[in-house]
Amino acid sequence: MRSARAAGRAPHSNVLNVVDSGLDVEQRPFVVYEQFAGVTCDDLLLRRGPCDLGLAAEIVGQVLDGLSALHQRGLFHRQI
């Protein structure tokens, strides 16, 4: 729950917003994120094939920018 609240306070273009969070009827925590509007890395690779160094660096930079926004709020993503 703490992570959901903190993620909701980390507005960044490379981080999905938290839409809702709480406990379900069995008291298990849940988090609902906004719908992802881009393409996944898998889709990009299937469409284009291997990325050139410039595009790969741009993608990694965007991921790091998003992670930095989370880290500044005390969150550390465990599923990268």
N, C-alpha and C. Protein backbone atom coordinates (compact mmCIF):
# COMPACT_ATOMS: atom_id res chain seq x y z
N MET A 1 0.83 -1.19 0.00
CA MET A 1 0.00 0.00 0.00
C MET A 1 0.88 1.25 0.00
N ARG A 2 1.95 1.20 0.76
CA ARG A 2 2.86 2.35 0.80
C ARG A 2 3.44 2.61 -0.59
N SER A 3 3.80 1.53 -1.28
CA SER A 3 4.36 1.68 -2.64
C SER A 3 3.34 2.30 -3.58
N ALA A 4 2.09 1.87 -3.49
CA ALA A 4 1.04 2.42 -4.37
C ALA A 4 0.85 3.90 -4.11
N ARG A 5 0.83 4.29 -2.84
CA ARG A 5 0.66 5.72 -2.52
C ARG A 5 1.84 6.54 -3.02
N ALA A 6 3.05 6.00 -2.81
CA ALA A 6 4.25 6.72 -3.25
C ALA A 6 4.32 6.80 -4.78
N ALA A 7 3.96 5.72 -5.46
CA ALA A 7 3.97 5.74 -6.93
C ALA A 7 2.96 6.74 -7.45
N GLY A 8 1.85 6.88 -6.76
CA GLY A 8 0.83 7.85 -7.16
C GLY A 8 1.30 9.28 -7.01
N ARG A 9 2.35 9.48 -6.22
CA ARG A 9 2.90 10.83 -6.03
C ARG A 9 4.17 11.04 -6.86
N ALA A 10 4.39 10.19 -7.85
CA ALA A 10 5.60 10.28 -8.67
C ALA A 10 5.24 10.60 -10.11
N PRO A 11 4.60 11.75 -10.34
CA PRO A 11 4.20 12.05 -11.72
C PRO A 11 5.42 12.19 -12.63
N HIS A 12 5.43 11.38 -13.64
CA HIS A 12 6.52 11.41 -14.61
C HIS A 12 5.99 10.77 -15.89
N SER A 13 6.40 11.29 -17.02
CA SER A 13 5.89 10.78 -18.29
C SER A 13 6.29 9.32 -18.55
N ASN A 14 7.30 8.83 -17.84
CA ASN A 14 7.75 7.45 -18.05
C ASN A 14 7.32 6.51 -16.92
N VAL A 15 6.37 6.95 -16.11
CA VAL A 15 5.85 6.13 -15.02
C VAL A 15 4.33 6.12 -15.13
N LEU A 16 3.73 4.92 -15.13
CA LEU A 16 2.28 4.84 -15.18
C LEU A 16 1.68 5.39 -13.89
N ASN A 17 0.57 6.10 -14.00
CA ASN A 17 -0.11 6.64 -12.83
C ASN A 17 -0.92 5.56 -12.14
N VAL A 18 -1.00 5.67 -10.82
CA VAL A 18 -1.85 4.77 -10.03
C VAL A 18 -3.27 5.32 -10.08
N VAL A 19 -4.22 4.49 -10.50
CA VAL A 19 -5.62 4.88 -10.60
C VAL A 19 -6.36 4.56 -9.30
N ASP A 20 -6.03 3.41 -8.70
CA ASP A 20 -6.70 2.97 -7.48
C ASP A 20 -5.81 1.98 -6.76
N SER A 21 -6.02 1.85 -5.47
CA SER A 21 -5.33 0.83 -4.68
C SER A 21 -6.16 0.58 -3.43
N GLY A 22 -5.91 -0.54 -2.81
CA GLY A 22 -6.64 -0.86 -1.60
C GLY A 22 -6.52 -2.33 -1.28
N LEU A 23 -7.53 -2.85 -0.58
CA LEU A 23 -7.59 -4.27 -0.24
C LEU A 23 -8.82 -4.87 -0.88
N ASP A 24 -8.67 -6.08 -1.44
CA ASP A 24 -9.83 -6.74 -2.03
C ASP A 24 -10.67 -7.39 -0.92
N VAL A 25 -11.69 -8.11 -1.30
CA VAL A 25 -12.61 -8.68 -0.31
C VAL A 25 -11.93 -9.71 0.59
N GLU A 26 -10.80 -10.27 0.15
CA GLU A 26 -10.05 -11.22 0.97
C GLU A 26 -8.87 -10.55 1.68
N GLN A 27 -8.88 -9.19 1.69
CA GLN A 27 -7.86 -8.38 2.37
C GLN A 27 -6.47 -8.50 1.75
N ARG A 28 -6.44 -8.79 0.45
CA ARG A 28 -5.18 -8.79 -0.28
C ARG A 28 -4.99 -7.44 -0.94
N PRO A 29 -3.79 -6.88 -0.87
CA PRO A 29 -3.57 -5.57 -1.49
C PRO A 29 -3.62 -5.65 -3.02
N PHE A 30 -4.10 -4.58 -3.64
CA PHE A 30 -4.10 -4.48 -5.10
C PHE A 30 -3.76 -3.05 -5.50
N VAL A 31 -3.24 -2.93 -6.72
CA VAL A 31 -2.93 -1.62 -7.31
C VAL A 31 -3.43 -1.65 -8.74
N VAL A 32 -4.12 -0.59 -9.17
CA VAL A 32 -4.60 -0.46 -10.54
C VAL A 32 -3.86 0.73 -11.16
N TYR A 33 -3.19 0.46 -12.27
CA TYR A 33 -2.46 1.50 -12.99
C TYR A 33 -3.25 1.93 -14.22
N GLU A 34 -2.94 3.12 -14.71
CA GLU A 34 -3.56 3.58 -15.95
C GLU A 34 -3.20 2.62 -17.08
N GLN A 35 -3.98 2.66 -18.14
CA GLN A 35 -3.71 1.79 -19.29
C GLN A 35 -2.44 2.25 -19.99
N PHE A 36 -1.61 1.29 -20.34
CA PHE A 36 -0.37 1.56 -21.05
C PHE A 36 -0.69 1.95 -22.49
N ALA A 37 -0.17 3.08 -22.94
CA ALA A 37 -0.54 3.60 -24.26
C ALA A 37 0.56 3.43 -25.31
N GLY A 38 1.70 2.89 -24.94
CA GLY A 38 2.79 2.77 -25.89
C GLY A 38 2.93 1.36 -26.43
N VAL A 39 4.12 1.04 -26.89
CA VAL A 39 4.41 -0.31 -27.36
C VAL A 39 5.41 -0.94 -26.40
N THR A 40 5.31 -2.26 -26.23
CA THR A 40 6.27 -2.94 -25.38
C THR A 40 7.58 -3.13 -26.14
N CYS A 41 8.63 -3.41 -25.42
CA CYS A 41 9.92 -3.69 -26.07
C CYS A 41 9.80 -4.92 -26.97
N ASP A 42 9.04 -5.92 -26.51
CA ASP A 42 8.83 -7.11 -27.35
C ASP A 42 8.21 -6.74 -28.69
N ASP A 43 7.14 -5.91 -28.64
CA ASP A 43 6.48 -5.49 -29.88
C ASP A 43 7.44 -4.71 -30.78
N LEU A 44 8.20 -3.82 -30.18
CA LEU A 44 9.15 -3.02 -30.96
C LEU A 44 10.16 -3.92 -31.66
N LEU A 45 10.70 -4.89 -30.93
CA LEU A 45 11.69 -5.80 -31.52
C LEU A 45 11.08 -6.69 -32.60
N LEU A 46 9.84 -7.12 -32.40
CA LEU A 46 9.19 -7.94 -33.42
C LEU A 46 8.95 -7.15 -34.70
N ARG A 47 8.59 -5.87 -34.55
CA ARG A 47 8.32 -5.03 -35.72
C ARG A 47 9.57 -4.58 -36.45
N ARG A 48 10.58 -4.16 -35.67
CA ARG A 48 11.75 -3.52 -36.26
C ARG A 48 12.99 -4.39 -36.32
N GLY A 49 13.02 -5.44 -35.51
CA GLY A 49 14.25 -6.20 -35.38
C GLY A 49 15.15 -5.52 -34.36
N PRO A 50 16.40 -5.94 -34.31
CA PRO A 50 17.32 -5.35 -33.32
C PRO A 50 17.40 -3.83 -33.45
N CYS A 51 17.48 -3.17 -32.31
CA CYS A 51 17.57 -1.69 -32.28
C CYS A 51 19.01 -1.26 -32.53
N ASP A 52 19.15 -0.13 -33.19
CA ASP A 52 20.49 0.45 -33.31
C ASP A 52 20.87 1.05 -31.95
N LEU A 53 22.11 1.36 -31.79
CA LEU A 53 22.63 1.84 -30.52
C LEU A 53 21.93 3.12 -30.05
N GLY A 54 21.63 4.02 -30.96
CA GLY A 54 20.98 5.28 -30.59
C GLY A 54 19.60 5.06 -30.00
N LEU A 55 18.78 4.21 -30.65
CA LEU A 55 17.43 3.94 -30.14
C LEU A 55 17.50 3.18 -28.82
N ALA A 56 18.40 2.21 -28.72
CA ALA A 56 18.55 1.47 -27.47
C ALA A 56 18.93 2.40 -26.32
N ALA A 57 19.84 3.33 -26.58
CA ALA A 57 20.24 4.29 -25.55
C ALA A 57 19.08 5.20 -25.16
N GLU A 58 18.27 5.60 -26.13
CA GLU A 58 17.10 6.44 -25.84
C GLU A 58 16.11 5.70 -24.94
N ILE A 59 15.84 4.43 -25.26
CA ILE A 59 14.89 3.64 -24.47
C ILE A 59 15.42 3.45 -23.04
N VAL A 60 16.68 3.06 -22.91
CA VAL A 60 17.26 2.85 -21.58
C VAL A 60 17.26 4.16 -20.80
N GLY A 61 17.53 5.27 -21.46
CA GLY A 61 17.49 6.57 -20.79
C GLY A 61 16.12 6.90 -20.26
N GLN A 62 15.08 6.58 -21.02
CA GLN A 62 13.71 6.83 -20.57
C GLN A 62 13.36 5.97 -19.36
N VAL A 63 13.79 4.70 -19.39
CA VAL A 63 13.55 3.81 -18.25
C VAL A 63 14.26 4.36 -17.01
N LEU A 64 15.51 4.78 -17.18
CA LEU A 64 16.27 5.31 -16.04
C LEU A 64 15.66 6.60 -15.50
N ASP A 65 15.14 7.45 -16.38
CA ASP A 65 14.47 8.67 -15.92
C ASP A 65 13.26 8.34 -15.06
N GLY A 66 12.46 7.36 -15.49
CA GLY A 66 11.30 6.94 -14.72
C GLY A 66 11.70 6.35 -13.38
N LEU A 67 12.72 5.49 -13.39
CA LEU A 67 13.20 4.89 -12.13
C LEU A 67 13.75 5.96 -11.19
N SER A 68 14.43 6.93 -11.74
CA SER A 68 14.95 8.03 -10.91
C SER A 68 13.82 8.77 -10.21
N ALA A 69 12.72 9.02 -10.94
CA ALA A 69 11.56 9.70 -10.33
C ALA A 69 11.01 8.87 -9.16
N LEU A 70 10.97 7.55 -9.34
CA LEU A 70 10.50 6.68 -8.25
C LEU A 70 11.49 6.67 -7.09
N HIS A 71 12.78 6.58 -7.38
CA HIS A 71 13.80 6.54 -6.34
C HIS A 71 13.79 7.81 -5.50
N GLN A 72 13.51 8.94 -6.13
CA GLN A 72 13.46 10.20 -5.40
C GLN A 72 12.33 10.22 -4.37
N ARG A 73 11.37 9.34 -4.53
CA ARG A 73 10.25 9.24 -3.60
C ARG A 73 10.36 8.00 -2.70
N GLY A 74 11.53 7.39 -2.69
CA GLY A 74 11.80 6.25 -1.81
C GLY A 74 11.30 4.92 -2.32
N LEU A 75 10.96 4.83 -3.61
CA LEU A 75 10.49 3.57 -4.19
C LEU A 75 11.60 2.92 -5.00
N PHE A 76 11.69 1.60 -4.91
CA PHE A 76 12.65 0.85 -5.68
C PHE A 76 11.93 -0.29 -6.37
N HIS A 77 11.85 -0.22 -7.69
CA HIS A 77 11.11 -1.19 -8.49
C HIS A 77 11.81 -2.53 -8.47
N ARG A 78 11.06 -3.60 -8.27
CA ARG A 78 11.65 -4.93 -8.18
C ARG A 78 11.40 -5.77 -9.42
N GLN A 79 10.75 -5.23 -10.44
CA GLN A 79 10.39 -6.06 -11.58
C GLN A 79 10.87 -5.46 -12.90
N ILE A 80 12.09 -5.06 -12.94
CA ILE A 80 12.65 -4.51 -14.17
C ILE A 80 13.33 -5.61 -14.94
